[in-house]
Amino acid sequence: MEMIDENKLMQLERKANSPWARLKRNKTAVIGMVIVIAAVCMAIFAPLLAPYDPNAMDISKTFLKPGTPGHILGTDEFGRDLLSRIIYGSRISILVAAGATVVGGTIGIILGIIAGYKEGILDTVIMRLMDGMFAFPFVLLSIVLMTVLGQGLENVIIAIGIANVPGYARVARGQVLVVKGEEYCQAVKSLGASDFHLIFNHIIPNILSPVIVYATMNLAGSIISEATLSFLGLGIQPPTASWGNILRSGRDYLLTSPHIATYSGLAILLAVLGFNLFGDGIRDAFDPKIK
C-alpha cells in the first residue's frame, strides 16, 4: 500500500510540474493565451465576424464617430467600416507573423545546427555573418530588405523572416553545443552512428523546446515589424487592410478623427501584449529550474 501511495504521489507530482500544469498556474500567461487565441480566431473567421466588406467605400459616411448605429468603431476617410478593417487586418498580422517565423526559424535553425555541430571555420564564418546582421537594428534591416525585394505580402514575410534569422541561429547553435557534449550523444557517436542519425534523432528533438519558446516570443516582434513597414508605406499596400496602414492613414486625422489611429494602435498593442505574455509563460513552463 505504501508503495502504491508513493507511486501515486510521484505521478501527481510529475503531473503538477508538467509544462502544461505550470502554464495554467501562470495567470498572466493564461491571459496572454486567451488574447492569442482570440486574435487567431478573429483572423480565421474574419468573413463571419466582419459586419461589412473592409474595402467597401461610402463617401456619404466618412469619418463617422465610434458608436454610430451600424458602425461600432466608426468609419475612416473613405467611409469604410473601421471594425471590419481591423478584423481583416488581424489576418495580415497573424499571417505575416507565422510566415516570418517559419522562414526565419527554418533558415536560422539550419545555420545554427551546422555552426554548432561542425564548429571550426564554418562556425566562425556563419556566426560572424549573423553578427553582421545583428549590427543592423531589426526594423532597419527589414526596411533595407523590403527596398531590395519590393512590396507585397510575400516579400514582407521574407524580409521579416530573414531579419529574424540571426536570433534563431544563435539559439540553435548554443543548444547544439550543449546537447552535443552530453554523454548520451558521445555514446551514440562512439557506437558508429552517422552525423545524420545523431542530428535528427538526438540533437534536434532536444533543442526544440528553447527554439519553440524563442519563436513564440518572436511572433510579437514580427507583428510590430509588419505594422512598422506598413506604416512607413513599404509593407502591405491599401486598399488591403492591415493594422499598420490603418494607423498610417489615421495619423493625418489625429485632431479631427483620432479613433482611426487609436483603435488600430490598440489592436497592435493587445496582440503584441498577448504574444509576449504567452511567450513568457511558455518560457517559464519549460524551464526545468522552476517547479
Protein backbone atom coordinates (compact mmCIF):
# COMPACT_ATOMS: atom_id res chain seq x y z
CA MET A 1 0.00 0.00 0.00
CA GLU A 2 2.82 2.37 0.86
CA MET A 3 4.45 1.64 -2.49
CA ILE A 4 1.17 2.36 -4.31
CA ASP A 5 0.74 5.58 -2.38
CA GLU A 6 4.29 6.62 -3.21
CA ASN A 7 3.74 5.86 -6.90
CA LYS A 8 0.55 7.90 -6.88
CA LEU A 9 2.31 10.76 -5.17
CA MET A 10 5.11 10.67 -7.74
CA GLN A 11 2.58 10.67 -10.59
CA LEU A 12 0.72 13.60 -9.03
CA GLU A 13 3.98 15.49 -8.57
CA ARG A 14 5.02 14.89 -12.18
CA LYS A 15 1.58 15.99 -13.38
CA ALA A 16 1.66 19.11 -11.20
CA ASN A 17 5.13 20.01 -12.52
CA SER A 18 4.38 19.33 -16.19
CA PRO A 19 4.81 22.31 -18.55
CA TRP A 20 1.06 22.50 -19.21
CA ALA A 21 0.23 22.50 -15.47
CA ARG A 22 2.80 25.23 -14.79
CA LEU A 23 1.44 27.24 -17.72
CA LYS A 24 -2.12 27.03 -16.39
CA ARG A 25 -0.98 28.24 -12.96
CA ASN A 26 0.59 31.33 -14.54
CA LYS A 27 -2.31 33.83 -14.68
CA THR A 28 -0.55 36.31 -16.96
CA ALA A 29 0.33 33.50 -19.37
CA VAL A 30 -3.31 32.39 -19.42
CA ILE A 31 -4.38 35.97 -20.19
CA GLY A 32 -1.83 36.08 -23.00
CA MET A 33 -3.04 32.70 -24.33
CA VAL A 34 -6.64 33.94 -24.36
CA ILE A 35 -5.60 37.07 -26.32
CA VAL A 36 -3.59 34.96 -28.79
CA ILE A 37 -6.46 32.51 -29.32
CA ALA A 38 -8.89 35.42 -29.78
CA ALA A 39 -6.58 37.05 -32.37
CA VAL A 40 -6.15 33.78 -34.27
CA CYS A 41 -9.89 33.08 -34.25
CA MET A 42 -10.58 36.64 -35.41
CA ALA A 43 -8.18 36.13 -38.32
CA ILE A 44 -9.65 32.75 -39.29
CA PHE A 45 -13.30 33.75 -39.03
CA ALA A 46 -12.92 37.32 -40.32
CA PRO A 47 -15.56 36.88 -43.09
CA LEU A 48 -18.09 35.78 -40.45
CA LEU A 49 -17.19 38.38 -37.83
CA ALA A 50 -16.81 41.49 -40.01
CA PRO A 51 -20.14 43.29 -40.49
CA TYR A 52 -19.08 44.87 -43.81
CA ASP A 53 -16.70 44.41 -46.70
CA PRO A 54 -13.46 46.00 -45.38
CA ASN A 55 -12.81 47.70 -48.74
CA ALA A 56 -16.36 48.93 -49.40
CA MET A 57 -16.35 52.73 -49.64
CA ASP A 58 -19.23 55.10 -48.93
CA ILE A 59 -18.30 58.76 -49.30
CA SER A 60 -21.51 59.80 -47.54
CA LYS A 61 -20.35 58.10 -44.35
CA THR A 62 -16.79 59.37 -43.97
CA PHE A 63 -15.35 59.98 -40.50
CA LEU A 64 -18.33 58.63 -38.57
CA LYS A 65 -17.65 58.64 -34.86
CA PRO A 66 -17.44 55.45 -32.76
CA GLY A 67 -20.83 54.31 -31.53
CA THR A 68 -22.65 55.37 -34.68
CA PRO A 69 -25.50 52.91 -35.36
CA GLY A 70 -24.20 50.23 -37.72
CA HIS A 71 -20.57 51.31 -37.26
CA ILE A 72 -19.44 50.48 -33.72
CA LEU A 73 -15.89 51.81 -34.20
CA GLY A 74 -16.82 54.45 -36.76
CA THR A 75 -15.51 54.83 -40.30
CA ASP A 76 -12.37 56.15 -41.99
CA GLU A 77 -11.72 58.85 -44.58
CA PHE A 78 -13.32 56.75 -47.33
CA GLY A 79 -16.37 55.71 -45.33
CA ARG A 80 -15.05 52.17 -44.79
CA ASP A 81 -16.17 50.41 -41.61
CA LEU A 82 -13.25 50.54 -39.17
CA LEU A 83 -14.26 47.42 -37.21
CA SER A 84 -14.33 45.35 -40.40
CA ARG A 85 -10.92 46.65 -41.46
CA ILE A 86 -9.38 45.90 -38.06
CA ILE A 87 -10.83 42.38 -38.07
CA TYR A 88 -9.46 41.71 -41.55
CA GLY A 89 -6.19 43.40 -40.57
CA SER A 90 -5.66 40.65 -37.99
CA ARG A 91 -5.34 38.20 -40.89
CA ILE A 92 -2.35 40.09 -42.27
CA SER A 93 -0.64 40.39 -38.88
CA ILE A 94 -1.11 36.72 -37.94
CA LEU A 95 -0.16 35.50 -41.42
CA VAL A 96 2.98 37.65 -41.55
CA ALA A 97 3.99 36.68 -38.00
CA ALA A 98 3.51 32.96 -38.69
CA GLY A 99 5.14 33.09 -42.13
CA ALA A 100 8.14 35.10 -40.91
CA THR A 101 8.57 32.67 -38.02
CA VAL A 102 8.62 29.71 -40.40
CA VAL A 103 11.06 31.40 -42.81
CA GLY A 104 13.38 32.80 -40.14
CA GLY A 105 13.15 29.73 -37.93
CA THR A 106 13.88 27.26 -40.72
CA ILE A 107 16.91 29.12 -42.08
CA GLY A 108 18.21 30.12 -38.65
CA ILE A 109 17.88 26.64 -37.12
CA ILE A 110 19.66 25.03 -40.08
CA LEU A 111 22.52 27.53 -39.89
CA GLY A 112 22.69 27.21 -36.09
CA ILE A 113 22.84 23.40 -36.24
CA ILE A 114 25.56 23.47 -38.90
CA ALA A 115 27.59 26.03 -36.95
CA GLY A 116 27.22 24.27 -33.60
CA TYR A 117 27.78 20.76 -34.89
CA LYS A 118 30.68 21.38 -37.27
CA GLU A 119 32.35 24.22 -35.29
CA GLY A 120 35.74 25.38 -36.62
CA ILE A 121 35.97 27.67 -39.64
CA LEU A 122 32.38 27.01 -40.75
CA ASP A 123 31.08 28.03 -37.33
CA THR A 124 33.19 31.20 -37.40
CA VAL A 125 32.00 32.21 -40.87
CA ILE A 126 28.31 31.61 -40.13
CA MET A 127 28.29 33.34 -36.76
CA ARG A 128 30.28 36.37 -37.99
CA LEU A 129 27.69 36.71 -40.75
CA MET A 130 24.96 36.58 -38.12
CA ASP A 131 26.82 39.20 -36.06
CA GLY A 132 26.95 41.41 -39.12
CA MET A 133 23.17 41.12 -39.50
CA PHE A 134 22.75 41.84 -35.79
CA ALA A 135 24.69 45.09 -36.30
CA PHE A 136 21.63 46.47 -38.10
CA PRO A 137 18.58 47.37 -36.00
CA PHE A 138 15.83 44.83 -36.71
CA VAL A 139 13.41 47.30 -38.30
CA LEU A 140 16.18 48.96 -40.34
CA LEU A 141 17.26 45.58 -41.72
CA SER A 142 13.64 44.80 -42.63
CA ILE A 143 13.34 48.16 -44.41
CA VAL A 144 16.54 47.50 -46.39
CA LEU A 145 15.28 44.06 -47.42
CA MET A 146 11.88 45.45 -48.42
CA THR A 147 13.60 48.09 -50.53
CA VAL A 148 15.51 45.33 -52.32
CA LEU A 149 12.65 42.83 -52.63
CA GLY A 150 9.82 45.25 -53.38
CA GLN A 151 6.32 45.47 -51.95
CA GLY A 152 3.82 42.64 -51.46
CA LEU A 153 2.73 40.22 -48.76
CA GLU A 154 5.21 37.50 -49.72
CA ASN A 155 8.11 39.96 -49.68
CA VAL A 156 7.05 41.29 -46.27
CA ILE A 157 7.14 37.74 -44.90
CA ILE A 158 10.52 37.05 -46.49
CA ALA A 159 12.04 40.35 -45.31
CA ILE A 160 10.92 39.95 -41.70
CA GLY A 161 11.82 36.25 -41.76
CA ILE A 162 15.38 36.95 -42.95
CA ALA A 163 15.75 39.68 -40.33
CA ASN A 164 14.78 37.04 -37.72
CA VAL A 165 17.41 34.51 -38.85
CA PRO A 166 20.32 35.63 -36.58
CA GLY A 167 18.27 35.18 -33.40
CA TYR A 168 17.24 31.64 -34.29
CA ALA A 169 20.77 30.77 -35.40
CA ARG A 170 22.25 31.87 -32.07
CA VAL A 171 19.67 29.99 -30.01
CA ALA A 172 20.03 26.81 -32.09
CA ARG A 173 23.84 26.93 -32.08
CA GLY A 174 24.03 27.41 -28.32
CA GLN A 175 21.69 24.49 -27.68
CA VAL A 176 23.53 22.22 -30.16
CA LEU A 177 26.84 22.88 -28.38
CA VAL A 178 25.25 21.89 -25.06
CA VAL A 179 23.45 18.77 -26.34
CA LYS A 180 26.38 17.59 -28.44
CA GLY A 181 28.55 17.49 -25.33
CA GLU A 182 26.12 15.29 -23.38
CA GLU A 183 27.24 11.76 -22.55
CA TYR A 184 24.42 10.05 -24.45
CA CYS A 185 25.40 11.87 -27.66
CA GLN A 186 29.02 10.89 -27.18
CA ALA A 187 27.96 7.28 -26.57
CA VAL A 188 25.79 7.17 -29.69
CA LYS A 189 28.61 8.64 -31.77
CA SER A 190 31.14 6.15 -30.36
CA LEU A 191 28.84 3.31 -31.45
CA GLY A 192 29.26 4.44 -35.04
CA ALA A 193 26.12 6.50 -35.58
CA SER A 194 26.25 8.81 -38.59
CA ASP A 195 26.08 12.58 -38.29
CA PHE A 196 22.66 12.48 -39.94
CA HIS A 197 21.35 9.99 -37.36
CA LEU A 198 22.83 11.92 -34.45
CA ILE A 199 21.44 15.28 -35.60
CA PHE A 200 17.91 14.17 -36.49
CA ASN A 201 17.33 11.59 -33.76
CA HIS A 202 19.14 13.07 -30.79
CA ILE A 203 20.14 16.73 -31.25
CA ILE A 204 17.09 18.28 -32.95
CA PRO A 205 14.50 16.72 -30.57
CA ASN A 206 16.46 18.07 -27.59
CA ILE A 207 16.85 21.64 -28.86
CA LEU A 208 13.22 22.15 -29.89
CA SER A 209 11.92 23.40 -26.51
CA PRO A 210 14.08 26.56 -26.29
CA VAL A 211 13.60 27.20 -30.01
CA ILE A 212 9.81 26.99 -29.65
CA VAL A 213 9.94 29.36 -26.67
CA TYR A 214 12.02 31.85 -28.68
CA ALA A 215 9.70 31.54 -31.68
CA THR A 216 6.62 32.24 -29.55
CA MET A 217 8.17 35.39 -28.12
CA ASN A 218 9.45 36.41 -31.55
CA LEU A 219 5.93 36.43 -33.01
CA ALA A 220 5.22 39.71 -31.21
CA GLY A 221 8.26 41.32 -32.81
CA SER A 222 7.13 40.17 -36.25
CA ILE A 223 3.71 41.79 -35.74
CA ILE A 224 5.38 45.08 -34.80
CA SER A 225 7.71 44.83 -37.79
CA GLU A 226 4.81 44.30 -40.22
CA ALA A 227 2.93 47.24 -38.69
CA THR A 228 6.06 49.40 -38.91
CA LEU A 229 6.72 48.54 -42.56
CA SER A 230 3.07 49.17 -43.48
CA PHE A 231 3.07 52.42 -41.53
CA LEU A 232 6.12 53.57 -43.50
CA GLY A 233 4.46 52.60 -46.79
CA LEU A 234 6.83 49.70 -47.50
CA GLY A 235 4.61 46.83 -46.34
CA ILE A 236 1.03 45.93 -47.14
CA GLN A 237 -0.46 48.46 -49.54
CA PRO A 238 -4.02 49.87 -49.48
CA PRO A 239 -6.78 49.00 -50.01
CA THR A 240 -5.78 45.73 -48.31
CA ALA A 241 -6.43 46.23 -44.61
CA SER A 242 -3.54 45.88 -42.17
CA TRP A 243 -3.16 47.40 -38.76
CA GLY A 244 -0.07 49.28 -39.91
CA ASN A 245 -1.61 51.00 -42.92
CA ILE A 246 -4.81 51.80 -40.95
CA LEU A 247 -2.57 53.50 -38.39
CA ARG A 248 -0.77 55.31 -41.20
CA SER A 249 -3.99 56.65 -42.72
CA GLY A 250 -5.19 57.74 -39.27
CA ARG A 251 -2.13 59.83 -38.49
CA ASP A 252 -3.36 62.60 -40.82
CA TYR A 253 -6.62 62.89 -38.89
CA LEU A 254 -5.45 62.69 -35.27
CA LEU A 255 -7.08 66.00 -34.37
CA THR A 256 -10.39 65.52 -36.17
CA SER A 257 -10.86 61.72 -36.13
CA PRO A 258 -8.44 60.19 -33.61
CA HIS A 259 -10.42 56.93 -33.46
CA ILE A 260 -8.88 55.68 -36.73
CA ALA A 261 -5.34 55.58 -35.34
CA THR A 262 -6.43 54.80 -31.78
CA TYR A 263 -8.26 51.54 -32.47
CA SER A 264 -5.65 50.20 -34.89
CA GLY A 265 -2.93 51.07 -32.37
CA LEU A 266 -4.87 49.29 -29.61
CA ALA A 267 -5.19 46.19 -31.82
CA ILE A 268 -1.40 46.12 -32.29
CA LEU A 269 -0.84 46.72 -28.57
CA LEU A 270 -3.18 43.91 -27.47
CA ALA A 271 -1.78 41.40 -29.97
CA VAL A 272 1.83 42.14 -29.02
CA LEU A 273 0.97 42.06 -25.30
CA GLY A 274 -0.80 38.72 -25.72
CA PHE A 275 2.09 37.08 -27.56
CA ASN A 276 4.64 38.47 -25.09
CA LEU A 277 2.70 37.26 -22.04
CA PHE A 278 2.12 33.86 -23.64
CA GLY A 279 5.78 33.62 -24.65
CA ASP A 280 6.94 34.47 -21.14
CA GLY A 281 4.59 31.82 -19.76
CA ILE A 282 5.89 29.17 -22.15
CA ARG A 283 9.46 30.09 -21.25
CA ASP A 284 8.73 29.65 -17.55
CA ALA A 285 6.75 26.44 -18.15
CA PHE A 286 9.64 24.79 -19.99
CA ASP A 287 12.30 25.99 -17.54
CA PRO A 288 13.38 22.89 -15.55
CA LYS A 289 14.60 25.10 -12.69
CA ILE A 290 11.04 26.33 -11.97
CA LYS A 291 8.86 23.87 -10.06
